[in-house]
């Protein structure tokens, strides 16, 4: 999650229907704060894409489809990229289930196969999935990803070659604002480099905090007054470079003080309105 980002998939707001009055009218039931402002969202998304391009990443865009809803702009959640292809998620948020097949179809045309998929009774969203290292996957257990989904990941990521087995660990998530809220594990922690994690410490479970400390990670706590503006959601580009929201001035300075190059973009509409930050807007497909 912190290697140099070489290829990344995004879903521009127009492709997710933010300019479609019928789709935009569903904003309340999808948990957005207010009706989407397509023009503002498009401008902010374009700035993000410029930062990605300037970092050296190739950007590919998920095509528009009738099955996609406003949430599809958060391209991270419906699939998980592995060395062997995509694992398709079965989102706990029902309007997002169709996104997985959209990812499969588009990425198939790019030469990226489907390696596996999560099915009922399992649910899973990649916003709950954090690679602690190449062989350790930490998965949040909450309303979007359930225990059955986590159990299905284990055999998918095992290998006949024991040296390549991936250990799948679960991390209990708090109740927070309840089932309707978007609370992913990646809402509470972002990998900044191989040894450093930005954390929303009060909201992480004790066992998760002790796990991270026991593995020797350096934890940087967010400025808590910036929690509601998604301060903990930061995208690593590799080589100590990060993309964060410009709204979170204090948290961004904490990361700079820790030695990181923090590039920012405005996220009032594309991120904060729909509760999805820089990592949510991107589905990394290739890193090194």
C-alpha atoms as a PDB file:
ATOM      1  CA  UNK A   1       0.000   0.000   0.000  1.00  0.00           C
ATOM      2  CA  UNK A   2       3.032   2.297   0.198  1.00  0.00           C
ATOM      3  CA  UNK A   3       5.127   1.295  -2.807  1.00  0.00           C
ATOM      4  CA  UNK A   4       5.568   3.660  -5.736  1.00  0.00           C
ATOM      5  CA  UNK A   5       2.165   4.047  -7.393  1.00  0.00           C
ATOM      6  CA  UNK A   6       2.457   3.214 -11.098  1.00  0.00           C
ATOM      7  CA  UNK A   7      -1.104   2.581 -12.263  1.00  0.00           C
ATOM      8  CA  UNK A   8      -4.385   3.616 -10.663  1.00  0.00           C
ATOM      9  CA  UNK A   9      -8.055   3.414 -11.555  1.00  0.00           C
ATOM     10  CA  UNK A  10     -10.438   6.270 -10.791  1.00  0.00           C
ATOM     11  CA  UNK A  11     -14.113   6.869 -11.509  1.00  0.00           C
ATOM     12  CA  UNK A  12     -14.774  10.542 -12.410  1.00  0.00           C
ATOM     13  CA  UNK A  13     -17.969  12.029 -10.988  1.00  0.00           C
ATOM     14  CA  UNK A  14     -19.639  12.120 -14.399  1.00  0.00           C
ATOM     15  CA  UNK A  15     -19.017   8.403 -14.869  1.00  0.00           C
ATOM     16  CA  UNK A  16     -20.651   7.777 -11.482  1.00  0.00           C
ATOM     17  CA  UNK A  17     -23.727   9.790 -12.444  1.00  0.00           C
ATOM     18  CA  UNK A  18     -23.149  12.934 -10.370  1.00  0.00           C
ATOM     19  CA  UNK A  19     -24.476  14.925 -13.347  1.00  0.00           C
ATOM     20  CA  UNK A  20     -27.526  12.671 -13.717  1.00  0.00           C
ATOM     21  CA  UNK A  21     -30.518  14.256 -11.900  1.00  0.00           C
ATOM     22  CA  UNK A  22     -32.161  10.888 -11.273  1.00  0.00           C
ATOM     23  CA  UNK A  23     -29.034   9.374  -9.720  1.00  0.00           C
ATOM     24  CA  UNK A  24     -28.159  12.547  -7.840  1.00  0.00           C
ATOM     25  CA  UNK A  25     -31.631  12.575  -6.239  1.00  0.00           C
ATOM     26  CA  UNK A  26     -30.639   9.487  -4.219  1.00  0.00           C
ATOM     27  CA  UNK A  27     -28.037  11.402  -2.201  1.00  0.00           C
ATOM     28  CA  UNK A  28     -29.916  11.181   1.123  1.00  0.00           C
ATOM     29  CA  UNK A  29     -30.396   7.424   1.044  1.00  0.00           C
ATOM     30  CA  UNK A  30     -26.730   6.973   0.115  1.00  0.00           C
ATOM     31  CA  UNK A  31     -25.618   8.954   3.170  1.00  0.00           C
ATOM     32  CA  UNK A  32     -24.298  12.111   1.494  1.00  0.00           C
ATOM     33  CA  UNK A  33     -24.380  15.319   3.507  1.00  0.00           C
ATOM     34  CA  UNK A  34     -26.090  17.350   0.793  1.00  0.00           C
ATOM     35  CA  UNK A  35     -27.133  17.169  -2.842  1.00  0.00           C
ATOM     36  CA  UNK A  36     -24.042  16.736  -5.014  1.00  0.00           C
ATOM     37  CA  UNK A  37     -22.545  19.734  -6.785  1.00  0.00           C
ATOM     38  CA  UNK A  38     -21.284  18.114  -9.973  1.00  0.00           C
ATOM     39  CA  UNK A  39     -19.208  21.046 -11.220  1.00  0.00           C
ATOM     40  CA  UNK A  40     -17.364  21.433  -7.904  1.00  0.00           C
ATOM     41  CA  UNK A  41     -16.837  17.682  -7.601  1.00  0.00           C
ATOM     42  CA  UNK A  42     -15.456  17.504 -11.139  1.00  0.00           C
ATOM     43  CA  UNK A  43     -13.001  20.347 -10.491  1.00  0.00           C
ATOM     44  CA  UNK A  44     -11.752  18.740  -7.307  1.00  0.00           C
ATOM     45  CA  UNK A  45     -11.432  15.322  -8.926  1.00  0.00           C
ATOM     46  CA  UNK A  46      -9.423  16.827 -11.785  1.00  0.00           C
ATOM     47  CA  UNK A  47      -6.967  18.334  -9.289  1.00  0.00           C
ATOM     48  CA  UNK A  48      -6.556  14.922  -7.655  1.00  0.00           C
ATOM     49  CA  UNK A  49      -5.899  13.340 -11.048  1.00  0.00           C
ATOM     50  CA  UNK A  50      -3.318  15.998 -11.841  1.00  0.00           C
ATOM     51  CA  UNK A  51      -1.480  15.187  -8.613  1.00  0.00           C
ATOM     52  CA  UNK A  52      -1.572  11.491  -9.463  1.00  0.00           C
ATOM     53  CA  UNK A  53      -0.257  12.145 -12.958  1.00  0.00           C
ATOM     54  CA  UNK A  54       2.503  14.451 -11.696  1.00  0.00           C
ATOM     55  CA  UNK A  55       3.613  11.683  -9.339  1.00  0.00           C
ATOM     56  CA  UNK A  56       4.209   9.425 -12.351  1.00  0.00           C
ATOM     57  CA  UNK A  57       1.118   7.231 -12.078  1.00  0.00           C
ATOM     58  CA  UNK A  58      -0.817   6.104 -15.148  1.00  0.00           C
ATOM     59  CA  UNK A  59      -4.504   6.902 -14.647  1.00  0.00           C
ATOM     60  CA  UNK A  60      -7.298   4.774 -16.098  1.00  0.00           C
ATOM     61  CA  UNK A  61     -10.984   5.642 -15.695  1.00  0.00           C
ATOM     62  CA  UNK A  62     -13.809   3.238 -14.947  1.00  0.00           C
ATOM     63  CA  UNK A  63     -16.390   3.774 -17.713  1.00  0.00           C
ATOM     64  CA  UNK A  64     -19.892   5.054 -17.010  1.00  0.00           C
ATOM     65  CA  UNK A  65     -22.576   2.393 -16.604  1.00  0.00           C
ATOM     66  CA  UNK A  66     -26.258   2.467 -15.757  1.00  0.00           C
ATOM     67  CA  UNK A  67     -25.615   0.175 -12.780  1.00  0.00           C
ATOM     68  CA  UNK A  68     -23.278   2.653 -11.082  1.00  0.00           C
ATOM     69  CA  UNK A  69     -24.489   5.010  -8.352  1.00  0.00           C
ATOM     70  CA  UNK A  70     -22.931   8.142  -6.843  1.00  0.00           C
ATOM     71  CA  UNK A  71     -20.790   5.938  -4.578  1.00  0.00           C
ATOM     72  CA  UNK A  72     -18.896   4.489  -7.562  1.00  0.00           C
ATOM     73  CA  UNK A  73     -16.694   7.593  -7.525  1.00  0.00           C
ATOM     74  CA  UNK A  74     -15.048   5.923  -4.513  1.00  0.00           C
ATOM     75  CA  UNK A  75     -13.340   3.401  -6.780  1.00  0.00           C
ATOM     76  CA  UNK A  76     -11.281   1.736  -4.062  1.00  0.00           C
ATOM     77  CA  UNK A  77     -13.992  -0.357  -2.463  1.00  0.00           C
ATOM     78  CA  UNK A  78     -15.358  -2.852  -4.996  1.00  0.00           C
ATOM     79  CA  UNK A  79     -12.153  -4.766  -5.711  1.00  0.00           C
ATOM     80  CA  UNK A  80      -8.827  -5.696  -4.159  1.00  0.00           C
ATOM     81  CA  UNK A  81      -5.714  -5.811  -6.333  1.00  0.00           C
ATOM     82  CA  UNK A  82      -3.291  -8.699  -5.718  1.00  0.00           C
ATOM     83  CA  UNK A  83      -0.253 -10.058  -7.556  1.00  0.00           C
ATOM     84  CA  UNK A  84      -2.564 -12.617  -9.178  1.00  0.00           C
ATOM     85  CA  UNK A  85      -5.422 -10.351 -10.249  1.00  0.00           C
ATOM     86  CA  UNK A  86      -8.499  -8.774  -8.685  1.00  0.00           C
ATOM     87  CA  UNK A  87     -10.510 -10.136  -5.812  1.00  0.00           C
ATOM     88  CA  UNK A  88     -14.051  -8.884  -6.363  1.00  0.00           C
ATOM     89  CA  UNK A  89     -15.778  -7.613  -3.266  1.00  0.00           C
ATOM     90  CA  UNK A  90     -19.415  -8.123  -2.255  1.00  0.00           C
ATOM     91  CA  UNK A  91     -20.141  -4.714  -0.702  1.00  0.00           C
ATOM     92  CA  UNK A  92     -22.175  -4.496   2.464  1.00  0.00           C
ATOM     93  CA  UNK A  93     -23.788  -1.354   1.020  1.00  0.00           C
ATOM     94  CA  UNK A  94     -26.239  -2.938  -1.409  1.00  0.00           C
ATOM     95  CA  UNK A  95     -26.277  -0.180  -4.031  1.00  0.00           C
ATOM     96  CA  UNK A  96     -22.565  -0.874  -4.559  1.00  0.00           C
ATOM     97  CA  UNK A  97     -22.739  -4.598  -5.360  1.00  0.00           C
ATOM     98  CA  UNK A  98     -22.825  -3.988  -9.133  1.00  0.00           C
ATOM     99  CA  UNK A  99     -19.537  -2.083  -8.982  1.00  0.00           C
ATOM    100  CA  UNK A 100     -17.556  -5.290  -8.588  1.00  0.00           C
ATOM    101  CA  UNK A 101     -18.600  -6.596 -12.002  1.00  0.00           C
ATOM    102  CA  UNK A 102     -17.914  -3.182 -13.533  1.00  0.00           C
ATOM    103  CA  UNK A 103     -14.361  -3.407 -12.153  1.00  0.00           C
ATOM    104  CA  UNK A 104     -13.998  -6.959 -13.477  1.00  0.00           C
ATOM    105  CA  UNK A 105     -15.178  -6.059 -16.960  1.00  0.00           C
ATOM    106  CA  UNK A 106     -13.020  -2.965 -17.318  1.00  0.00           C
ATOM    107  CA  UNK A 107      -9.880  -4.410 -15.741  1.00  0.00           C
ATOM    108  CA  UNK A 108     -10.279  -7.545 -17.857  1.00  0.00           C
ATOM    109  CA  UNK A 109      -9.884  -5.336 -20.915  1.00  0.00           C
ATOM    110  CA  UNK A 110      -6.661  -4.026 -19.372  1.00  0.00           C
ATOM    111  CA  UNK A 111      -5.349  -7.568 -19.061  1.00  0.00           C
ATOM    112  CA  UNK A 112      -6.008  -7.864 -15.318  1.00  0.00           C
ATOM    113  CA  UNK A 113      -7.829 -11.133 -14.526  1.00  0.00           C
ATOM    114  CA  UNK A 114     -10.262 -11.904 -11.738  1.00  0.00           C
ATOM    115  CA  UNK A 115      -8.444 -13.974  -9.135  1.00  0.00           C
ATOM    116  CA  UNK A 116     -11.417 -14.602  -6.845  1.00  0.00           C
ATOM    117  CA  UNK A 117     -14.542 -13.087  -5.388  1.00  0.00           C
ATOM    118  CA  UNK A 118     -16.460 -12.790  -2.140  1.00  0.00           C
ATOM    119  CA  UNK A 119     -20.024 -14.112  -2.162  1.00  0.00           C
ATOM    120  CA  UNK A 120     -22.958 -14.302   0.196  1.00  0.00           C
ATOM    121  CA  UNK A 121     -23.264 -14.706   3.108  1.00  0.00           C
ATOM    122  CA  UNK A 122     -19.978 -12.870   3.063  1.00  0.00           C
ATOM    123  CA  UNK A 123     -19.748  -9.118   2.558  1.00  0.00           C
ATOM    124  CA  UNK A 124     -16.549  -7.196   2.012  1.00  0.00           C
ATOM    125  CA  UNK A 125     -15.372  -3.744   0.949  1.00  0.00           C
ATOM    126  CA  UNK A 126     -11.742  -2.881   0.287  1.00  0.00           C
ATOM    127  CA  UNK A 127     -12.009   0.204   2.461  1.00  0.00           C
ATOM    128  CA  UNK A 128     -11.803  -2.305   5.317  1.00  0.00           C
ATOM    129  CA  UNK A 129      -8.638  -3.973   4.003  1.00  0.00           C
ATOM    130  CA  UNK A 130      -5.105  -2.851   4.896  1.00  0.00           C
ATOM    131  CA  UNK A 131      -1.891  -4.570   3.830  1.00  0.00           C
ATOM    132  CA  UNK A 132       0.440  -4.262   6.819  1.00  0.00           C
ATOM    133  CA  UNK A 133       3.161  -5.890   4.725  1.00  0.00           C
ATOM    134  CA  UNK A 134       3.219  -8.142   1.621  1.00  0.00           C
ATOM    135  CA  UNK A 135       2.190 -11.176   3.669  1.00  0.00           C
ATOM    136  CA  UNK A 136      -0.157  -9.686   6.271  1.00  0.00           C
ATOM    137  CA  UNK A 137      -3.680  -8.465   5.564  1.00  0.00           C
ATOM    138  CA  UNK A 138      -5.684  -6.705   8.270  1.00  0.00           C
ATOM    139  CA  UNK A 139      -9.449  -6.648   7.620  1.00  0.00           C
ATOM    140  CA  UNK A 140     -11.998  -4.607   9.554  1.00  0.00           C
ATOM    141  CA  UNK A 141     -14.957  -6.551  10.944  1.00  0.00           C
ATOM    142  CA  UNK A 142     -17.985  -4.260  10.919  1.00  0.00           C
ATOM    143  CA  UNK A 143     -21.133  -3.376   9.009  1.00  0.00           C
ATOM    144  CA  UNK A 144     -19.540  -3.296   5.535  1.00  0.00           C
ATOM    145  CA  UNK A 145     -17.309  -6.377   5.886  1.00  0.00           C
ATOM    146  CA  UNK A 146     -18.528  -9.302   7.979  1.00  0.00           C
ATOM    147  CA  UNK A 147     -16.893 -12.381   9.482  1.00  0.00           C
ATOM    148  CA  UNK A 148     -18.032 -14.597   6.596  1.00  0.00           C
ATOM    149  CA  UNK A 149     -16.358 -12.266   4.128  1.00  0.00           C
ATOM    150  CA  UNK A 150     -13.137 -12.308   6.123  1.00  0.00           C
ATOM    151  CA  UNK A 151     -13.194 -16.111   6.267  1.00  0.00           C
ATOM    152  CA  UNK A 152     -13.562 -16.294   2.482  1.00  0.00           C
ATOM    153  CA  UNK A 153     -10.419 -14.203   2.039  1.00  0.00           C
ATOM    154  CA  UNK A 154      -8.232 -16.698   3.881  1.00  0.00           C
ATOM    155  CA  UNK A 155      -8.273 -19.582   1.367  1.00  0.00           C
ATOM    156  CA  UNK A 156      -8.131 -17.128  -1.544  1.00  0.00           C
ATOM    157  CA  UNK A 157      -4.844 -15.754  -0.320  1.00  0.00           C
ATOM    158  CA  UNK A 158      -3.268 -19.032   0.752  1.00  0.00           C
ATOM    159  CA  UNK A 159      -0.784 -20.734  -1.552  1.00  0.00           C
ATOM    160  CA  UNK A 160       0.691 -24.170  -2.125  1.00  0.00           C
ATOM    161  CA  UNK A 161       3.996 -22.390  -1.627  1.00  0.00           C
ATOM    162  CA  UNK A 162       3.972 -21.632   2.113  1.00  0.00           C
ATOM    163  CA  UNK A 163       6.507 -18.849   1.566  1.00  0.00           C
ATOM    164  CA  UNK A 164       3.809 -16.872  -0.263  1.00  0.00           C
ATOM    165  CA  UNK A 165       0.932 -17.456   2.154  1.00  0.00           C
ATOM    166  CA  UNK A 166      -0.843 -14.308   3.319  1.00  0.00           C
ATOM    167  CA  UNK A 167      -1.901 -14.113   6.951  1.00  0.00           C
ATOM    168  CA  UNK A 168      -5.415 -12.666   7.189  1.00  0.00           C
ATOM    169  CA  UNK A 169      -6.172 -10.968  10.502  1.00  0.00           C
ATOM    170  CA  UNK A 170      -9.413  -9.323  11.628  1.00  0.00           C
ATOM    171  CA  UNK A 171      -9.775  -5.983  13.361  1.00  0.00           C
ATOM    172  CA  UNK A 172     -13.056  -5.258  15.195  1.00  0.00           C
ATOM    173  CA  UNK A 173     -14.599  -1.935  14.244  1.00  0.00           C
ATOM    174  CA  UNK A 174     -16.554   0.350  16.596  1.00  0.00           C
ATOM    175  CA  UNK A 175     -20.270   0.992  16.296  1.00  0.00           C
ATOM    176  CA  UNK A 176     -19.570   4.648  15.576  1.00  0.00           C
ATOM    177  CA  UNK A 177     -22.601   6.388  14.108  1.00  0.00           C
ATOM    178  CA  UNK A 178     -24.297   3.098  13.292  1.00  0.00           C
ATOM    179  CA  UNK A 179     -24.938   0.925  10.236  1.00  0.00           C
ATOM    180  CA  UNK A 180     -25.807   3.804   7.902  1.00  0.00           C
ATOM    181  CA  UNK A 181     -22.472   5.579   8.431  1.00  0.00           C
ATOM    182  CA  UNK A 182     -19.438   4.905   6.250  1.00  0.00           C
ATOM    183  CA  UNK A 183     -16.927   3.619   8.773  1.00  0.00           C
ATOM    184  CA  UNK A 184     -14.162   1.542   7.229  1.00  0.00           C
ATOM    185  CA  UNK A 185     -10.909   0.389   8.794  1.00  0.00           C
ATOM    186  CA  UNK A 186      -9.195   2.782   6.376  1.00  0.00           C
ATOM    187  CA  UNK A 187     -11.254   5.583   7.930  1.00  0.00           C
ATOM    188  CA  UNK A 188      -9.187   4.944  11.052  1.00  0.00           C
ATOM    189  CA  UNK A 189      -5.707   4.188   9.716  1.00  0.00           C
ATOM    190  CA  UNK A 190      -3.643   4.985   6.623  1.00  0.00           C
ATOM    191  CA  UNK A 191      -0.297   3.403   5.792  1.00  0.00           C
ATOM    192  CA  UNK A 192       2.169   6.226   5.066  1.00  0.00           C
ATOM    193  CA  UNK A 193       5.240   4.078   4.499  1.00  0.00           C
ATOM    194  CA  UNK A 194       6.322   0.566   5.458  1.00  0.00           C
ATOM    195  CA  UNK A 195       6.789   1.495   9.114  1.00  0.00           C
ATOM    196  CA  UNK A 196       4.492   4.503   9.683  1.00  0.00           C
ATOM    197  CA  UNK A 197       0.711   4.628  10.074  1.00  0.00           C
ATOM    198  CA  UNK A 198      -1.547   7.648  10.465  1.00  0.00           C
ATOM    199  CA  UNK A 199      -4.220   6.714  13.013  1.00  0.00           C
ATOM    200  CA  UNK A 200      -7.471   7.882  14.551  1.00  0.00           C
ATOM    201  CA  UNK A 201      -6.321   6.398  17.833  1.00  0.00           C
ATOM    202  CA  UNK A 202      -9.440   6.821  20.032  1.00  0.00           C
ATOM    203  CA  UNK A 203     -11.577   4.933  17.498  1.00  0.00           C
ATOM    204  CA  UNK A 204      -9.267   1.955  16.964  1.00  0.00           C
ATOM    205  CA  UNK A 205      -9.874  -1.154  19.079  1.00  0.00           C
ATOM    206  CA  UNK A 206      -7.349  -1.847  21.836  1.00  0.00           C
ATOM    207  CA  UNK A 207      -6.296  -5.135  20.215  1.00  0.00           C
ATOM    208  CA  UNK A 208      -5.630  -3.387  16.896  1.00  0.00           C
ATOM    209  CA  UNK A 209      -3.504  -0.699  18.523  1.00  0.00           C
ATOM    210  CA  UNK A 210      -1.525  -3.307  20.458  1.00  0.00           C
ATOM    211  CA  UNK A 211      -1.060  -5.372  17.279  1.00  0.00           C
ATOM    212  CA  UNK A 212       0.379  -2.381  15.431  1.00  0.00           C
ATOM    213  CA  UNK A 213       2.623  -1.402  18.329  1.00  0.00           C
ATOM    214  CA  UNK A 214       3.763  -4.995  18.760  1.00  0.00           C
ATOM    215  CA  UNK A 215       4.851  -5.091  15.125  1.00  0.00           C
ATOM    216  CA  UNK A 216       6.932  -1.981  15.627  1.00  0.00           C
ATOM    217  CA  UNK A 217       4.927   0.537  13.619  1.00  0.00           C
ATOM    218  CA  UNK A 218       5.331   4.241  14.286  1.00  0.00           C
ATOM    219  CA  UNK A 219       1.857   5.681  14.904  1.00  0.00           C
ATOM    220  CA  UNK A 220       1.032   9.316  14.115  1.00  0.00           C
ATOM    221  CA  UNK A 221      -2.243  10.497  15.599  1.00  0.00           C
ATOM    222  CA  UNK A 222      -4.410  12.887  13.605  1.00  0.00           C
ATOM    223  CA  UNK A 223      -5.375  16.320  14.871  1.00  0.00           C
ATOM    224  CA  UNK A 224      -8.662  15.271  16.409  1.00  0.00           C
ATOM    225  CA  UNK A 225     -10.523  18.468  15.490  1.00  0.00           C
ATOM    226  CA  UNK A 226     -10.069  17.397  11.841  1.00  0.00           C
ATOM    227  CA  UNK A 227     -11.622  13.968  12.233  1.00  0.00           C
ATOM    228  CA  UNK A 228     -14.889  14.872  10.502  1.00  0.00           C
ATOM    229  CA  UNK A 229     -13.022  16.226   7.477  1.00  0.00           C
ATOM    230  CA  UNK A 230     -11.382  12.839   6.874  1.00  0.00           C
ATOM    231  CA  UNK A 231      -7.935  13.728   8.196  1.00  0.00           C
ATOM    232  CA  UNK A 232      -7.027  10.061   8.598  1.00  0.00           C
ATOM    233  CA  UNK A 233      -7.664   9.229   4.930  1.00  0.00           C
ATOM    234  CA  UNK A 234      -4.333   9.730   3.138  1.00  0.00           C
ATOM    235  CA  UNK A 235      -3.011   8.108  -0.042  1.00  0.00           C
ATOM    236  CA  UNK A 236       0.626   6.982  -0.163  1.00  0.00           C
ATOM    237  CA  UNK A 237       2.366   7.479  -3.510  1.00  0.00           C
ATOM    238  CA  UNK A 238       5.649   5.877  -2.424  1.00  0.00           C
ATOM    239  CA  UNK A 239       9.014   7.522  -1.725  1.00  0.00           C
ATOM    240  CA  UNK A 240       7.603   9.453   1.259  1.00  0.00           C
ATOM    241  CA  UNK A 241       5.021  11.218  -0.950  1.00  0.00           C
ATOM    242  CA  UNK A 242       1.400  11.514   0.146  1.00  0.00           C
ATOM    243  CA  UNK A 243      -1.893  12.964  -1.099  1.00  0.00           C
ATOM    244  CA  UNK A 244      -4.182  14.444   1.559  1.00  0.00           C
ATOM    245  CA  UNK A 245      -7.102  16.875   1.781  1.00  0.00           C
ATOM    246  CA  UNK A 246      -6.109  20.538   2.000  1.00  0.00           C
ATOM    247  CA  UNK A 247      -8.825  21.087   4.631  1.00  0.00           C
ATOM    248  CA  UNK A 248      -6.781  19.203   7.251  1.00  0.00           C
ATOM    249  CA  UNK A 249      -3.996  21.718   7.789  1.00  0.00           C
ATOM    250  CA  UNK A 250      -2.853  20.560  11.222  1.00  0.00           C
ATOM    251  CA  UNK A 251      -2.755  16.860  10.443  1.00  0.00           C
ATOM    252  CA  UNK A 252      -0.924  17.563   7.187  1.00  0.00           C
ATOM    253  CA  UNK A 253       1.690  19.525   9.119  1.00  0.00           C
ATOM    254  CA  UNK A 254       2.141  16.613  11.538  1.00  0.00           C
ATOM    255  CA  UNK A 255       2.955  14.379   8.572  1.00  0.00           C
ATOM    256  CA  UNK A 256       5.354  16.946   7.117  1.00  0.00           C
ATOM    257  CA  UNK A 257       7.070  17.222  10.501  1.00  0.00           C
ATOM    258  CA  UNK A 258       7.493  13.427  10.378  1.00  0.00           C
ATOM    259  CA  UNK A 259       9.397  13.716   7.099  1.00  0.00           C
ATOM    260  CA  UNK A 260       6.681  13.269   4.452  1.00  0.00           C
ATOM    261  CA  UNK A 261       6.055  15.255   1.271  1.00  0.00           C
ATOM    262  CA  UNK A 262       2.337  16.039   1.508  1.00  0.00           C
ATOM    263  CA  UNK A 263       0.510  17.191  -1.637  1.00  0.00           C
ATOM    264  CA  UNK A 264      -3.073  18.387  -1.167  1.00  0.00           C
ATOM    265  CA  UNK A 265      -6.287  19.021  -3.052  1.00  0.00           C
ATOM    266  CA  UNK A 266      -9.681  20.474  -2.009  1.00  0.00           C
ATOM    267  CA  UNK A 267     -12.161  17.781  -1.003  1.00  0.00           C
ATOM    268  CA  UNK A 268     -15.207  19.605   0.318  1.00  0.00           C
ATOM    269  CA  UNK A 269     -17.485  18.182  -2.383  1.00  0.00           C
ATOM    270  CA  UNK A 270     -15.876  15.070  -3.854  1.00  0.00           C
ATOM    271  CA  UNK A 271     -14.673  13.729  -0.493  1.00  0.00           C
ATOM    272  CA  UNK A 272     -16.294  15.189   2.599  1.00  0.00           C
ATOM    273  CA  UNK A 273     -19.832  15.250   1.191  1.00  0.00           C
ATOM    274  CA  UNK A 274     -19.801  11.504   0.536  1.00  0.00           C
ATOM    275  CA  UNK A 275     -17.375  10.523   3.346  1.00  0.00           C
ATOM    276  CA  UNK A 276     -14.650   9.214   1.051  1.00  0.00           C
ATOM    277  CA  UNK A 277     -11.091  10.548   1.057  1.00  0.00           C
ATOM    278  CA  UNK A 278      -8.091  10.264  -1.290  1.00  0.00           C
ATOM    279  CA  UNK A 279      -7.644   6.517  -0.780  1.00  0.00           C
ATOM    280  CA  UNK A 280     -11.355   5.933  -1.416  1.00  0.00           C
ATOM    281  CA  UNK A 281     -11.200   7.785  -4.746  1.00  0.00           C
ATOM    282  CA  UNK A 282      -8.429   5.534  -6.068  1.00  0.00           C
ATOM    283  CA  UNK A 283      -8.081   1.833  -6.863  1.00  0.00           C
ATOM    284  CA  UNK A 284      -4.323   1.253  -7.103  1.00  0.00           C
ATOM    285  CA  UNK A 285      -3.637  -1.434  -9.705  1.00  0.00           C
ATOM    286  CA  UNK A 286       0.180  -1.500  -9.752  1.00  0.00           C
ATOM    287  CA  UNK A 287       2.885  -0.498  -7.310  1.00  0.00           C
ATOM    288  CA  UNK A 288       6.563  -1.305  -6.964  1.00  0.00           C
END
